[in-house]
Amino acid sequence: MAVGFVLISTEPTKERQVYQKLLKIEEVVELYPLFGDYDLIAKVEAKDYNTIGEIVVSKIRTIDGVRTTKTLTKISF
């Protein structure tokens, strides 16, 4: 299983709306608000890293109010 942490920047005043929509994505297993350059961090779990990329592009970035994302991955050795 692959794990990714997605830092999400939202449009002003859209944080709650984006948060609620992210909760509906099955692969988002944890979600927290942030203060600073990013507004939210989502922990995403999927079968592999390519699938995490697909989730970010097709499910997270398409949410109305999402401005930018940055994905950090956890690699186990």
Protein backbone atom coordinates (compact mmCIF):
# COMPACT_ATOMS: atom_id res chain seq x y z
CA MET A 1 0.00 0.00 0.00
CA ALA A 2 1.16 3.51 -0.82
CA VAL A 3 0.67 6.52 1.42
CA GLY A 4 0.69 10.15 0.36
CA PHE A 5 0.21 13.38 2.26
CA VAL A 6 -1.46 16.05 0.15
CA LEU A 7 -1.01 19.69 1.15
CA ILE A 8 -3.95 21.69 -0.19
CA SER A 9 -4.33 25.43 -0.67
CA THR A 10 -7.89 26.68 -1.11
CA GLU A 11 -9.57 29.80 -2.40
CA PRO A 12 -10.33 32.27 0.41
CA THR A 13 -13.49 31.30 2.34
CA LYS A 14 -13.69 27.87 0.62
CA GLU A 15 -11.82 25.89 3.30
CA ARG A 16 -14.92 24.31 4.89
CA GLN A 17 -16.52 23.50 1.56
CA VAL A 18 -13.35 21.77 0.31
CA TYR A 19 -12.94 19.97 3.66
CA GLN A 20 -16.47 18.51 3.42
CA LYS A 21 -15.91 17.30 -0.15
CA LEU A 22 -12.56 15.71 0.74
CA LEU A 23 -14.26 13.70 3.49
CA LYS A 24 -16.31 11.97 0.77
CA ILE A 25 -13.23 10.64 -1.07
CA GLU A 26 -12.76 7.02 0.00
CA GLU A 27 -8.96 7.10 -0.25
CA VAL A 28 -8.67 10.12 2.09
CA VAL A 29 -8.17 8.39 5.44
CA GLU A 30 -7.21 11.44 7.54
CA LEU A 31 -7.81 15.15 7.06
CA TYR A 32 -6.65 18.13 9.12
CA PRO A 33 -6.82 21.93 8.82
CA LEU A 34 -3.55 23.86 8.72
CA PHE A 35 -2.49 27.45 9.25
CA GLY A 36 0.06 28.98 6.91
CA ASP A 37 0.87 28.45 3.24
CA TYR A 38 -1.55 25.51 3.02
CA ASP A 39 -5.07 25.20 4.40
CA LEU A 40 -5.54 21.42 4.64
CA ILE A 41 -3.51 18.22 4.74
CA ALA A 42 -5.02 14.94 3.60
CA LYS A 43 -3.55 11.50 4.16
CA VAL A 44 -4.29 9.37 1.10
CA GLU A 45 -3.90 5.60 0.90
CA ALA A 46 -3.99 3.63 -2.35
CA LYS A 47 -2.61 0.45 -3.89
CA ASP A 48 0.39 2.24 -5.44
CA TYR A 49 1.91 5.68 -6.04
CA ASN A 50 0.48 5.99 -9.56
CA THR A 51 -3.00 5.62 -8.08
CA ILE A 52 -2.26 8.33 -5.52
CA GLY A 53 -1.33 10.63 -8.41
CA GLU A 54 -4.57 9.79 -10.20
CA ILE A 55 -6.58 10.53 -7.04
CA VAL A 56 -4.89 13.89 -6.60
CA VAL A 57 -5.44 14.90 -10.22
CA SER A 58 -8.93 13.51 -10.81
CA LYS A 59 -10.58 13.74 -7.38
CA ILE A 60 -8.81 16.39 -5.28
CA ARG A 61 -7.75 19.04 -7.81
CA THR A 62 -11.19 18.99 -9.43
CA ILE A 63 -12.91 20.14 -6.22
CA ASP A 64 -14.25 23.67 -6.60
CA GLY A 65 -12.14 25.92 -4.37
CA VAL A 66 -8.87 23.95 -4.53
CA ARG A 67 -6.10 26.25 -5.74
CA THR A 68 -2.94 24.16 -5.46
CA THR A 69 -1.70 20.85 -4.11
CA LYS A 70 1.66 19.41 -3.15
CA THR A 71 1.95 15.68 -2.60
CA LEU A 72 4.50 14.13 -0.27
CA THR A 73 4.94 10.36 -0.33
CA LYS A 74 6.04 7.91 2.28
CA ILE A 75 8.40 5.24 0.99
CA SER A 76 9.11 2.19 3.12
CA PHE A 77 12.43 0.39 2.67
